[in-house]
Amino acid sequence: MTQVTVRNVDEAWVAKAKAEAGRRGVSMNAILVEALAKGLGVAVGKGSNGLEKFAGDSPDAFGPDWDEAMRECARVDPEDWQ
């Protein structure tokens, strides 16, 4: 990936990008890269949540990572149910 500096950006645009980044819980860089790609009509690659290694139909092949993931899924915070 290449790093680029953009000059003379309107402060209102920066404020809007910061607000959107905060609303979505992502970096302002992610918002600006997405906006640039959209403006240029270029598809943005989708990020990974790291779960693709569990896709399929055979948990036996996943090894200890699968067991740990299932333990995490089984843990419930009682406050979430109030």
N, C-alpha and C. Protein backbone atom coordinates (compact mmCIF):
# COMPACT_ATOMS: atom_id res chain seq x y z
N MET A 1 0.84 -1.19 0.00
CA MET A 1 0.00 0.00 0.00
C MET A 1 0.88 1.24 0.00
N THR A 2 0.38 2.27 -0.60
CA THR A 2 1.08 3.54 -0.69
C THR A 2 0.47 4.54 0.28
N GLN A 3 1.32 5.34 0.87
CA GLN A 3 0.86 6.41 1.75
C GLN A 3 0.82 7.70 0.95
N VAL A 4 -0.24 8.48 1.09
CA VAL A 4 -0.43 9.70 0.32
C VAL A 4 -0.79 10.83 1.28
N THR A 5 -0.26 12.01 1.01
CA THR A 5 -0.64 13.20 1.76
C THR A 5 -1.56 14.03 0.88
N VAL A 6 -2.68 14.45 1.42
CA VAL A 6 -3.63 15.28 0.68
C VAL A 6 -3.67 16.64 1.36
N ARG A 7 -3.44 17.68 0.59
CA ARG A 7 -3.42 19.04 1.13
C ARG A 7 -4.70 19.78 0.77
N ASN A 8 -4.95 20.86 1.50
CA ASN A 8 -6.08 21.77 1.23
C ASN A 8 -7.42 21.07 1.34
N VAL A 9 -7.56 20.23 2.36
CA VAL A 9 -8.83 19.54 2.60
C VAL A 9 -9.69 20.44 3.48
N ASP A 10 -10.90 20.65 3.08
CA ASP A 10 -11.82 21.50 3.82
C ASP A 10 -12.02 20.94 5.23
N GLU A 11 -11.96 21.81 6.22
CA GLU A 11 -12.10 21.38 7.62
C GLU A 11 -13.44 20.72 7.89
N ALA A 12 -14.47 21.13 7.20
CA ALA A 12 -15.79 20.52 7.38
C ALA A 12 -15.77 19.05 6.93
N TRP A 13 -15.00 18.75 5.89
CA TRP A 13 -14.88 17.37 5.43
C TRP A 13 -14.18 16.51 6.47
N VAL A 14 -13.12 17.08 7.05
CA VAL A 14 -12.37 16.35 8.09
C VAL A 14 -13.27 16.10 9.30
N ALA A 15 -14.03 17.10 9.69
CA ALA A 15 -14.94 16.94 10.83
C ALA A 15 -15.98 15.86 10.55
N LYS A 16 -16.51 15.86 9.33
CA LYS A 16 -17.51 14.86 8.97
C LYS A 16 -16.89 13.46 8.95
N ALA A 17 -15.67 13.34 8.44
CA ALA A 17 -14.99 12.04 8.42
C ALA A 17 -14.71 11.55 9.84
N LYS A 18 -14.28 12.45 10.72
CA LYS A 18 -14.03 12.07 12.12
C LYS A 18 -15.31 11.61 12.79
N ALA A 19 -16.39 12.33 12.55
CA ALA A 19 -17.67 11.96 13.15
C ALA A 19 -18.14 10.60 12.65
N GLU A 20 -18.01 10.36 11.36
CA GLU A 20 -18.42 9.07 10.79
C GLU A 20 -17.55 7.94 11.32
N ALA A 21 -16.26 8.20 11.43
CA ALA A 21 -15.35 7.18 11.98
C ALA A 21 -15.75 6.84 13.41
N GLY A 22 -16.05 7.85 14.21
CA GLY A 22 -16.49 7.61 15.58
C GLY A 22 -17.81 6.85 15.64
N ARG A 23 -18.74 7.22 14.78
CA ARG A 23 -20.05 6.56 14.75
C ARG A 23 -19.91 5.09 14.41
N ARG A 24 -19.02 4.78 13.45
CA ARG A 24 -18.85 3.39 13.00
C ARG A 24 -17.78 2.62 13.76
N GLY A 25 -17.03 3.31 14.61
CA GLY A 25 -16.00 2.64 15.39
C GLY A 25 -14.81 2.18 14.55
N VAL A 26 -14.46 2.97 13.54
CA VAL A 26 -13.32 2.65 12.69
C VAL A 26 -12.41 3.87 12.64
N SER A 27 -11.26 3.72 12.01
CA SER A 27 -10.33 4.84 11.89
C SER A 27 -10.82 5.84 10.84
N MET A 28 -10.36 7.08 10.99
CA MET A 28 -10.69 8.07 9.98
C MET A 28 -10.04 7.68 8.65
N ASN A 29 -8.89 7.05 8.70
CA ASN A 29 -8.24 6.58 7.48
C ASN A 29 -9.15 5.61 6.72
N ALA A 30 -9.79 4.69 7.45
CA ALA A 30 -10.70 3.73 6.81
C ALA A 30 -11.85 4.45 6.12
N ILE A 31 -12.37 5.48 6.76
CA ILE A 31 -13.48 6.26 6.18
C ILE A 31 -13.01 6.96 4.91
N LEU A 32 -11.82 7.56 4.96
CA LEU A 32 -11.32 8.30 3.80
C LEU A 32 -10.95 7.39 2.64
N VAL A 33 -10.37 6.23 2.94
CA VAL A 33 -10.05 5.27 1.88
C VAL A 33 -11.34 4.79 1.21
N GLU A 34 -12.35 4.51 2.01
CA GLU A 34 -13.65 4.08 1.47
C GLU A 34 -14.27 5.17 0.60
N ALA A 35 -14.22 6.42 1.07
CA ALA A 35 -14.79 7.54 0.31
C ALA A 35 -14.05 7.75 -0.99
N LEU A 36 -12.72 7.65 -0.95
CA LEU A 36 -11.93 7.81 -2.16
C LEU A 36 -12.24 6.71 -3.17
N ALA A 37 -12.30 5.48 -2.69
CA ALA A 37 -12.62 4.36 -3.57
C ALA A 37 -14.01 4.53 -4.19
N LYS A 38 -14.97 4.92 -3.36
CA LYS A 38 -16.33 5.11 -3.86
C LYS A 38 -16.37 6.23 -4.90
N GLY A 39 -15.66 7.32 -4.62
CA GLY A 39 -15.62 8.44 -5.55
C GLY A 39 -14.98 8.09 -6.88
N LEU A 40 -14.02 7.18 -6.83
CA LEU A 40 -13.34 6.76 -8.06
C LEU A 40 -14.01 5.56 -8.73
N GLY A 41 -15.06 5.03 -8.09
CA GLY A 41 -15.76 3.89 -8.65
C GLY A 41 -14.96 2.61 -8.58
N VAL A 42 -14.14 2.49 -7.53
CA VAL A 42 -13.29 1.32 -7.35
C VAL A 42 -13.85 0.49 -6.19
N ALA A 43 -13.91 -0.81 -6.38
CA ALA A 43 -14.42 -1.68 -5.32
C ALA A 43 -13.42 -1.70 -4.16
N VAL A 44 -13.96 -1.66 -2.95
CA VAL A 44 -13.14 -1.73 -1.75
C VAL A 44 -13.17 -3.17 -1.25
N GLY A 45 -11.99 -3.74 -1.01
CA GLY A 45 -11.93 -5.10 -0.49
C GLY A 45 -12.54 -5.16 0.90
N LYS A 46 -13.25 -6.22 1.16
CA LYS A 46 -13.88 -6.39 2.46
C LYS A 46 -12.87 -6.89 3.47
N GLY A 47 -12.90 -6.34 4.67
CA GLY A 47 -12.00 -6.77 5.73
C GLY A 47 -12.36 -8.16 6.23
N SER A 48 -11.48 -8.71 6.99
CA SER A 48 -11.70 -10.05 7.53
C SER A 48 -11.92 -9.97 9.03
N ASN A 49 -12.83 -10.77 9.54
CA ASN A 49 -13.02 -10.86 10.99
C ASN A 49 -12.24 -12.03 11.57
N GLY A 50 -11.48 -12.73 10.74
CA GLY A 50 -10.65 -13.83 11.21
C GLY A 50 -11.37 -15.16 11.37
N LEU A 51 -12.65 -15.21 11.06
CA LEU A 51 -13.42 -16.43 11.26
C LEU A 51 -13.44 -17.34 10.04
N GLU A 52 -12.86 -16.88 8.92
CA GLU A 52 -12.92 -17.71 7.72
C GLU A 52 -12.24 -19.06 7.90
N LYS A 53 -11.29 -19.16 8.84
CA LYS A 53 -10.63 -20.45 9.06
C LYS A 53 -11.59 -21.48 9.65
N PHE A 54 -12.72 -21.02 10.19
CA PHE A 54 -13.70 -21.93 10.76
C PHE A 54 -14.82 -22.30 9.78
N ALA A 55 -14.78 -21.72 8.58
CA ALA A 55 -15.82 -22.01 7.60
C ALA A 55 -15.68 -23.45 7.12
N GLY A 56 -16.79 -24.12 6.94
CA GLY A 56 -16.77 -25.50 6.47
C GLY A 56 -17.67 -26.37 7.32
N ASP A 57 -17.47 -27.65 7.23
CA ASP A 57 -18.38 -28.56 7.92
C ASP A 57 -17.67 -29.57 8.81
N SER A 58 -16.40 -29.34 9.12
CA SER A 58 -15.67 -30.33 9.90
C SER A 58 -14.86 -29.67 11.03
N PRO A 59 -15.49 -29.43 12.16
CA PRO A 59 -14.78 -28.79 13.27
C PRO A 59 -13.56 -29.57 13.74
N ASP A 60 -13.52 -30.88 13.49
CA ASP A 60 -12.39 -31.69 13.92
C ASP A 60 -11.08 -31.19 13.30
N ALA A 61 -11.15 -30.63 12.12
CA ALA A 61 -9.95 -30.18 11.43
C ALA A 61 -9.43 -28.84 11.95
N PHE A 62 -10.22 -28.15 12.78
CA PHE A 62 -9.83 -26.82 13.23
C PHE A 62 -8.86 -26.86 14.41
N GLY A 63 -8.83 -27.95 15.13
CA GLY A 63 -7.89 -28.10 16.24
C GLY A 63 -8.25 -27.25 17.44
N PRO A 64 -7.24 -26.88 18.23
CA PRO A 64 -7.48 -26.16 19.49
C PRO A 64 -8.09 -24.77 19.29
N ASP A 65 -7.88 -24.15 18.12
CA ASP A 65 -8.49 -22.83 17.88
C ASP A 65 -10.01 -22.93 17.95
N TRP A 66 -10.56 -24.01 17.42
CA TRP A 66 -12.00 -24.21 17.43
C TRP A 66 -12.51 -24.33 18.86
N ASP A 67 -11.83 -25.12 19.66
CA ASP A 67 -12.25 -25.31 21.04
C ASP A 67 -12.25 -24.00 21.80
N GLU A 68 -11.22 -23.20 21.61
CA GLU A 68 -11.14 -21.90 22.28
C GLU A 68 -12.25 -20.97 21.81
N ALA A 69 -12.52 -20.96 20.51
CA ALA A 69 -13.58 -20.11 19.97
C ALA A 69 -14.94 -20.51 20.56
N MET A 70 -15.18 -21.80 20.69
CA MET A 70 -16.45 -22.27 21.24
C MET A 70 -16.58 -21.92 22.72
N ARG A 71 -15.47 -21.97 23.46
CA ARG A 71 -15.52 -21.56 24.87
C ARG A 71 -15.89 -20.08 24.98
N GLU A 72 -15.33 -19.27 24.09
CA GLU A 72 -15.64 -17.84 24.10
C GLU A 72 -17.11 -17.61 23.77
N CYS A 73 -17.65 -18.36 22.83
CA CYS A 73 -19.05 -18.21 22.44
C CYS A 73 -19.99 -18.63 23.57
N ALA A 74 -19.57 -19.58 24.37
CA ALA A 74 -20.43 -20.11 25.43
C ALA A 74 -20.46 -19.19 26.65
N ARG A 75 -19.48 -18.32 26.76
CA ARG A 75 -19.42 -17.44 27.93
C ARG A 75 -20.44 -16.31 27.76
N VAL A 76 -21.31 -16.15 28.74
CA VAL A 76 -22.36 -15.13 28.69
C VAL A 76 -22.22 -14.25 29.90
N ASP A 77 -22.26 -12.95 29.66
CA ASP A 77 -22.23 -11.98 30.75
C ASP A 77 -23.66 -11.83 31.26
N PRO A 78 -23.92 -12.13 32.54
CA PRO A 78 -25.29 -12.03 33.06
C PRO A 78 -25.92 -10.67 32.88
N GLU A 79 -25.11 -9.61 32.87
CA GLU A 79 -25.66 -8.26 32.68
C GLU A 79 -26.25 -8.06 31.28
N ASP A 80 -25.77 -8.86 30.32
CA ASP A 80 -26.31 -8.76 28.96
C ASP A 80 -27.76 -9.23 28.90
N TRP A 81 -28.20 -10.00 29.87
CA TRP A 81 -29.55 -10.56 29.86
C TRP A 81 -30.53 -9.79 30.72
N GLN A 82 -30.09 -8.70 31.28
CA GLN A 82 -30.99 -7.90 32.13
C GLN A 82 -31.71 -6.84 31.33
